[in-house]
């Protein structure tokens, strides 16, 4: 039989979180060199007065609302 490694549950969670963070950074690191695409970024991001005015709780909740125009 294989011997089990005795690691506390808290430490196991920490290891999983660190591995997930490293894998996520490794996968998405390349996008650090990309610019915004210009399909809808100007209207929704770079020229949006709600985004330019800063982060508030109200602004965060807007991001989760679905509005049909």
PDB file of N, CA and C in Angstrom:
ATOM      1  N   UNK A   1       0.828  -1.190   0.000  1.00  0.00           N
ATOM      2  CA  UNK A   1       0.000   0.000   0.000  1.00  0.00           C
ATOM      3  C   UNK A   1       0.869   1.249   0.000  1.00  0.00           C
ATOM      4  N   UNK A   2       0.317   2.268  -0.590  1.00  0.00           N
ATOM      5  CA  UNK A   2       1.024   3.538  -0.599  1.00  0.00           C
ATOM      6  C   UNK A   2       0.779   4.276   0.701  1.00  0.00           C
ATOM      7  N   UNK A   3       1.791   4.924   1.182  1.00  0.00           N
ATOM      8  CA  UNK A   3       1.646   5.740   2.375  1.00  0.00           C
ATOM      9  C   UNK A   3       0.972   7.061   2.013  1.00  0.00           C
ATOM     10  N   UNK A   4       0.025   7.473   2.828  1.00  0.00           N
ATOM     11  CA  UNK A   4      -0.634   8.747   2.605  1.00  0.00           C
ATOM     12  C   UNK A   4       0.207   9.872   3.190  1.00  0.00           C
ATOM     13  N   UNK A   5       0.181  10.994   2.527  1.00  0.00           N
ATOM     14  CA  UNK A   5       0.865  12.179   3.043  1.00  0.00           C
ATOM     15  C   UNK A   5      -0.096  12.863   3.999  1.00  0.00           C
ATOM     16  N   UNK A   6       0.370  13.114   5.198  1.00  0.00           N
ATOM     17  CA  UNK A   6      -0.481  13.743   6.201  1.00  0.00           C
ATOM     18  C   UNK A   6      -0.359  15.262   6.108  1.00  0.00           C
ATOM     19  N   UNK A   7      -1.335  15.849   5.453  1.00  0.00           N
ATOM     20  CA  UNK A   7      -1.402  17.298   5.324  1.00  0.00           C
ATOM     21  C   UNK A   7      -2.755  17.725   5.867  1.00  0.00           C
ATOM     22  N   UNK A   8      -2.753  18.770   6.667  1.00  0.00           N
ATOM     23  CA  UNK A   8      -3.998  19.248   7.261  1.00  0.00           C
ATOM     24  C   UNK A   8      -4.945  19.749   6.160  1.00  0.00           C
ATOM     25  N   UNK A   9      -6.255  19.683   6.405  1.00  0.00           N
ATOM     26  CA  UNK A   9      -7.216  20.158   5.395  1.00  0.00           C
ATOM     27  C   UNK A   9      -7.012  21.626   5.013  1.00  0.00           C
ATOM     28  N   UNK A  10      -6.636  22.444   5.969  1.00  0.00           N
ATOM     29  CA  UNK A  10      -6.371  23.849   5.659  1.00  0.00           C
ATOM     30  C   UNK A  10      -5.200  24.016   4.713  1.00  0.00           C
ATOM     31  N   UNK A  11      -4.168  23.237   4.924  1.00  0.00           N
ATOM     32  CA  UNK A  11      -2.988  23.302   4.063  1.00  0.00           C
ATOM     33  C   UNK A  11      -3.301  22.731   2.676  1.00  0.00           C
ATOM     34  N   UNK A  12      -4.157  21.702   2.633  1.00  0.00           N
ATOM     35  CA  UNK A  12      -4.577  21.137   1.346  1.00  0.00           C
ATOM     36  C   UNK A  12      -5.306  22.194   0.517  1.00  0.00           C
ATOM     37  N   UNK A  13      -6.203  22.939   1.153  1.00  0.00           N
ATOM     38  CA  UNK A  13      -6.918  24.003   0.449  1.00  0.00           C
ATOM     39  C   UNK A  13      -5.948  25.053  -0.072  1.00  0.00           C
ATOM     40  N   UNK A  14      -4.987  25.433   0.762  1.00  0.00           N
ATOM     41  CA  UNK A  14      -4.001  26.425   0.350  1.00  0.00           C
ATOM     42  C   UNK A  14      -3.223  25.952  -0.873  1.00  0.00           C
ATOM     43  N   UNK A  15      -2.832  24.700  -0.895  1.00  0.00           N
ATOM     44  CA  UNK A  15      -2.088  24.146  -2.031  1.00  0.00           C
ATOM     45  C   UNK A  15      -2.948  24.178  -3.290  1.00  0.00           C
ATOM     46  N   UNK A  16      -4.213  23.797  -3.162  1.00  0.00           N
ATOM     47  CA  UNK A  16      -5.115  23.817  -4.316  1.00  0.00           C
ATOM     48  C   UNK A  16      -5.285  25.242  -4.827  1.00  0.00           C
ATOM     49  N   UNK A  17      -5.479  26.203  -3.929  1.00  0.00           N
ATOM     50  CA  UNK A  17      -5.636  27.605  -4.337  1.00  0.00           C
ATOM     51  C   UNK A  17      -4.387  28.106  -5.055  1.00  0.00           C
ATOM     52  N   UNK A  18      -3.230  27.781  -4.533  1.00  0.00           N
ATOM     53  CA  UNK A  18      -1.989  28.227  -5.162  1.00  0.00           C
ATOM     54  C   UNK A  18      -1.802  27.605  -6.542  1.00  0.00           C
ATOM     55  N   UNK A  19      -2.101  26.313  -6.672  1.00  0.00           N
ATOM     56  CA  UNK A  19      -1.976  25.647  -7.968  1.00  0.00           C
ATOM     57  C   UNK A  19      -2.939  26.268  -8.971  1.00  0.00           C
ATOM     58  N   UNK A  20      -4.186  26.522  -8.553  1.00  0.00           N
ATOM     59  CA  UNK A  20      -5.152  27.151  -9.449  1.00  0.00           C
ATOM     60  C   UNK A  20      -4.704  28.549  -9.866  1.00  0.00           C
ATOM     61  N   UNK A  21      -4.168  29.308  -8.938  1.00  0.00           N
ATOM     62  CA  UNK A  21      -3.697  30.657  -9.259  1.00  0.00           C
ATOM     63  C   UNK A  21      -2.540  30.605 -10.255  1.00  0.00           C
ATOM     64  N   UNK A  22      -1.592  29.709 -10.045  1.00  0.00           N
ATOM     65  CA  UNK A  22      -0.442  29.598 -10.937  1.00  0.00           C
ATOM     66  C   UNK A  22      -0.877  29.153 -12.330  1.00  0.00           C
ATOM     67  N   UNK A  23      -1.776  28.176 -12.398  1.00  0.00           N
ATOM     68  CA  UNK A  23      -2.254  27.702 -13.696  1.00  0.00           C
ATOM     69  C   UNK A  23      -3.009  28.809 -14.421  1.00  0.00           C
ATOM     70  N   UNK A  24      -3.861  29.538 -13.711  1.00  0.00           N
ATOM     71  CA  UNK A  24      -4.607  30.634 -14.321  1.00  0.00           C
ATOM     72  C   UNK A  24      -3.666  31.709 -14.846  1.00  0.00           C
ATOM     73  N   UNK A  25      -2.679  32.088 -14.062  1.00  0.00           N
ATOM     74  CA  UNK A  25      -1.706  33.090 -14.520  1.00  0.00           C
ATOM     75  C   UNK A  25      -0.921  32.588 -15.727  1.00  0.00           C
ATOM     76  N   UNK A  26      -0.551  31.319 -15.725  1.00  0.00           N
ATOM     77  CA  UNK A  26       0.205  30.764 -16.844  1.00  0.00           C
ATOM     78  C   UNK A  26      -0.615  30.779 -18.132  1.00  0.00           C
ATOM     79  N   UNK A  27      -1.893  30.468 -18.027  1.00  0.00           N
ATOM     80  CA  UNK A  27      -2.742  30.427 -19.216  1.00  0.00           C
ATOM     81  C   UNK A  27      -3.011  31.828 -19.760  1.00  0.00           C
ATOM     82  N   UNK A  28      -3.285  32.776 -18.882  1.00  0.00           N
ATOM     83  CA  UNK A  28      -3.690  34.100 -19.325  1.00  0.00           C
ATOM     84  C   UNK A  28      -2.554  35.120 -19.368  1.00  0.00           C
ATOM     85  N   UNK A  29      -1.332  34.738 -19.076  1.00  0.00           N
ATOM     86  CA  UNK A  29      -0.223  35.681 -19.052  1.00  0.00           C
ATOM     87  C   UNK A  29      -0.014  36.350 -20.406  1.00  0.00           C
ATOM     88  N   UNK A  30      -0.245  35.603 -21.490  1.00  0.00           N
ATOM     89  CA  UNK A  30       0.001  36.134 -22.830  1.00  0.00           C
ATOM     90  C   UNK A  30      -0.912  37.310 -23.177  1.00  0.00           C
ATOM     91  N   UNK A  31      -2.085  37.401 -22.581  1.00  0.00           N
ATOM     92  CA  UNK A  31      -2.986  38.505 -22.910  1.00  0.00           C
ATOM     93  C   UNK A  31      -2.498  39.827 -22.339  1.00  0.00           C
ATOM     94  N   UNK A  32      -1.501  39.792 -21.509  1.00  0.00           N
ATOM     95  CA  UNK A  32      -0.908  41.001 -20.955  1.00  0.00           C
ATOM     96  C   UNK A  32      -0.371  41.914 -22.063  1.00  0.00           C
ATOM     97  N   UNK A  33      -0.028  41.327 -23.196  1.00  0.00           N
ATOM     98  CA  UNK A  33       0.577  42.092 -24.290  1.00  0.00           C
ATOM     99  C   UNK A  33      -0.439  42.531 -25.336  1.00  0.00           C
ATOM    100  N   UNK A  34      -1.700  42.184 -25.178  1.00  0.00           N
ATOM    101  CA  UNK A  34      -2.728  42.518 -26.167  1.00  0.00           C
ATOM    102  C   UNK A  34      -3.389  43.847 -25.833  1.00  0.00           C
ATOM    103  N   UNK A  35      -3.836  44.540 -26.856  1.00  0.00           N
ATOM    104  CA  UNK A  35      -4.594  45.770 -26.682  1.00  0.00           C
ATOM    105  C   UNK A  35      -6.085  45.438 -26.662  1.00  0.00           C
ATOM    106  N   UNK A  36      -6.890  46.430 -26.320  1.00  0.00           N
ATOM    107  CA  UNK A  36      -8.336  46.262 -26.431  1.00  0.00           C
ATOM    108  C   UNK A  36      -8.691  46.037 -27.889  1.00  0.00           C
ATOM    109  N   UNK A  37      -9.718  45.231 -28.122  1.00  0.00           N
ATOM    110  CA  UNK A  37     -10.243  45.136 -29.474  1.00  0.00           C
ATOM    111  C   UNK A  37     -11.291  46.233 -29.630  1.00  0.00           C
ATOM    112  N   UNK A  38     -11.463  46.712 -30.803  1.00  0.00           N
ATOM    113  CA  UNK A  38     -12.306  47.883 -30.998  1.00  0.00           C
ATOM    114  C   UNK A  38     -13.716  47.565 -31.480  1.00  0.00           C
ATOM    115  N   UNK A  39     -14.215  46.365 -31.235  1.00  0.00           N
ATOM    116  CA  UNK A  39     -15.586  46.064 -31.618  1.00  0.00           C
ATOM    117  C   UNK A  39     -16.564  46.839 -30.743  1.00  0.00           C
ATOM    118  N   UNK A  40     -16.436  46.702 -29.442  1.00  0.00           N
ATOM    119  CA  UNK A  40     -17.368  47.383 -28.545  1.00  0.00           C
ATOM    120  C   UNK A  40     -16.677  48.016 -27.336  1.00  0.00           C
ATOM    121  N   UNK A  41     -15.371  47.920 -27.256  1.00  0.00           N
ATOM    122  CA  UNK A  41     -14.660  48.465 -26.102  1.00  0.00           C
ATOM    123  C   UNK A  41     -14.818  49.973 -25.939  1.00  0.00           C
ATOM    124  N   UNK A  42     -14.740  50.766 -27.006  1.00  0.00           N
ATOM    125  CA  UNK A  42     -14.888  52.209 -26.783  1.00  0.00           C
ATOM    126  C   UNK A  42     -16.225  52.571 -26.140  1.00  0.00           C
ATOM    127  N   UNK A  43     -17.310  52.015 -26.633  1.00  0.00           N
ATOM    128  CA  UNK A  43     -18.617  52.366 -26.096  1.00  0.00           C
ATOM    129  C   UNK A  43     -18.890  51.801 -24.719  1.00  0.00           C
ATOM    130  N   UNK A  44     -18.381  50.608 -24.461  1.00  0.00           N
ATOM    131  CA  UNK A  44     -18.682  49.957 -23.187  1.00  0.00           C
ATOM    132  C   UNK A  44     -17.619  50.173 -22.117  1.00  0.00           C
ATOM    133  N   UNK A  45     -16.400  50.494 -22.513  1.00  0.00           N
ATOM    134  CA  UNK A  45     -15.328  50.572 -21.514  1.00  0.00           C
ATOM    135  C   UNK A  45     -14.602  51.908 -21.539  1.00  0.00           C
ATOM    136  N   UNK A  46     -13.872  52.186 -22.608  1.00  0.00           N
ATOM    137  CA  UNK A  46     -12.971  53.339 -22.584  1.00  0.00           C
ATOM    138  C   UNK A  46     -13.690  54.682 -22.639  1.00  0.00           C
ATOM    139  N   UNK A  47     -14.902  54.735 -23.192  1.00  0.00           N
ATOM    140  CA  UNK A  47     -15.650  55.993 -23.243  1.00  0.00           C
ATOM    141  C   UNK A  47     -16.872  55.981 -22.327  1.00  0.00           C
ATOM    142  N   UNK A  48     -16.962  55.016 -21.457  1.00  0.00           N
ATOM    143  CA  UNK A  48     -18.121  54.873 -20.582  1.00  0.00           C
ATOM    144  C   UNK A  48     -17.916  55.715 -19.322  1.00  0.00           C
ATOM    145  N   UNK A  49     -18.788  56.704 -19.119  1.00  0.00           N
ATOM    146  CA  UNK A  49     -18.637  57.607 -17.974  1.00  0.00           C
ATOM    147  C   UNK A  49     -18.829  56.874 -16.647  1.00  0.00           C
ATOM    148  N   UNK A  50     -19.642  55.823 -16.635  1.00  0.00           N
ATOM    149  CA  UNK A  50     -19.841  55.064 -15.396  1.00  0.00           C
ATOM    150  C   UNK A  50     -18.551  54.365 -14.968  1.00  0.00           C
ATOM    151  N   UNK A  51     -17.805  53.872 -15.919  1.00  0.00           N
ATOM    152  CA  UNK A  51     -16.550  53.191 -15.601  1.00  0.00           C
ATOM    153  C   UNK A  51     -15.470  54.209 -15.248  1.00  0.00           C
ATOM    154  N   UNK A  52     -15.421  55.300 -15.970  1.00  0.00           N
ATOM    155  CA  UNK A  52     -14.395  56.312 -15.732  1.00  0.00           C
ATOM    156  C   UNK A  52     -14.565  57.006 -14.386  1.00  0.00           C
ATOM    157  N   UNK A  53     -15.780  56.996 -13.821  1.00  0.00           N
ATOM    158  CA  UNK A  53     -16.003  57.694 -12.555  1.00  0.00           C
ATOM    159  C   UNK A  53     -15.574  56.885 -11.333  1.00  0.00           C
ATOM    160  N   UNK A  54     -15.168  55.634 -11.514  1.00  0.00           N
ATOM    161  CA  UNK A  54     -14.638  54.850 -10.402  1.00  0.00           C
ATOM    162  C   UNK A  54     -15.536  53.710  -9.982  1.00  0.00           C
ATOM    163  N   UNK A  55     -15.023  52.933  -9.034  1.00  0.00           N
ATOM    164  CA  UNK A  55     -15.723  51.738  -8.562  1.00  0.00           C
ATOM    165  C   UNK A  55     -16.486  52.064  -7.282  1.00  0.00           C
ATOM    166  N   UNK A  56     -17.779  51.745  -7.300  1.00  0.00           N
ATOM    167  CA  UNK A  56     -18.616  51.846  -6.113  1.00  0.00           C
ATOM    168  C   UNK A  56     -19.484  50.587  -6.052  1.00  0.00           C
ATOM    169  N   UNK A  57     -20.161  50.383  -4.936  1.00  0.00           N
ATOM    170  CA  UNK A  57     -21.037  49.218  -4.812  1.00  0.00           C
ATOM    171  C   UNK A  57     -22.147  49.270  -5.855  1.00  0.00           C
ATOM    172  N   UNK A  58     -22.668  50.460  -6.104  1.00  0.00           N
ATOM    173  CA  UNK A  58     -23.709  50.609  -7.118  1.00  0.00           C
ATOM    174  C   UNK A  58     -23.222  50.268  -8.508  1.00  0.00           C
ATOM    175  N   UNK A  59     -22.004  50.657  -8.830  1.00  0.00           N
ATOM    176  CA  UNK A  59     -21.430  50.362 -10.139  1.00  0.00           C
ATOM    177  C   UNK A  59     -21.185  48.863 -10.302  1.00  0.00           C
ATOM    178  N   UNK A  60     -20.758  48.198  -9.239  1.00  0.00           N
ATOM    179  CA  UNK A  60     -20.540  46.756  -9.301  1.00  0.00           C
ATOM    180  C   UNK A  60     -21.861  46.041  -9.553  1.00  0.00           C
ATOM    181  N   UNK A  61     -22.929  46.486  -8.900  1.00  0.00           N
ATOM    182  CA  UNK A  61     -24.227  45.842  -9.112  1.00  0.00           C
ATOM    183  C   UNK A  61     -24.726  46.044 -10.540  1.00  0.00           C
ATOM    184  N   UNK A  62     -24.375  47.149 -11.182  1.00  0.00           N
ATOM    185  CA  UNK A  62     -24.745  47.353 -12.576  1.00  0.00           C
ATOM    186  C   UNK A  62     -24.162  46.286 -13.491  1.00  0.00           C
ATOM    187  N   UNK A  63     -22.995  45.814 -13.142  1.00  0.00           N
ATOM    188  CA  UNK A  63     -22.342  44.792 -13.942  1.00  0.00           C
ATOM    189  C   UNK A  63     -23.072  43.468 -13.939  1.00  0.00           C
ATOM    190  N   UNK A  64     -23.922  43.239 -12.952  1.00  0.00           N
ATOM    191  CA  UNK A  64     -24.646  41.983 -12.847  1.00  0.00           C
ATOM    192  C   UNK A  64     -26.102  42.105 -13.278  1.00  0.00           C
ATOM    193  N   UNK A  65     -26.502  43.271 -13.755  1.00  0.00           N
ATOM    194  CA  UNK A  65     -27.882  43.457 -14.207  1.00  0.00           C
ATOM    195  C   UNK A  65     -27.964  43.193 -15.704  1.00  0.00           C
ATOM    196  N   UNK A  66     -29.107  42.650 -16.090  1.00  0.00           N
ATOM    197  CA  UNK A  66     -29.343  42.384 -17.506  1.00  0.00           C
ATOM    198  C   UNK A  66     -30.450  43.308 -17.976  1.00  0.00           C
ATOM    199  N   UNK A  67     -30.113  44.159 -18.904  1.00  0.00           N
ATOM    200  CA  UNK A  67     -31.095  45.094 -19.435  1.00  0.00           C
ATOM    201  C   UNK A  67     -31.235  44.858 -20.931  1.00  0.00           C
ATOM    202  N   UNK A  68     -32.466  44.786 -21.377  1.00  0.00           N
ATOM    203  CA  UNK A  68     -32.721  44.648 -22.803  1.00  0.00           C
ATOM    204  C   UNK A  68     -33.068  46.028 -23.331  1.00  0.00           C
ATOM    205  N   UNK A  69     -32.302  46.498 -24.291  1.00  0.00           N
ATOM    206  CA  UNK A  69     -32.529  47.839 -24.845  1.00  0.00           C
ATOM    207  C   UNK A  69     -33.587  47.808 -25.912  1.00  0.00           C
TER     208      UNK A  69
END
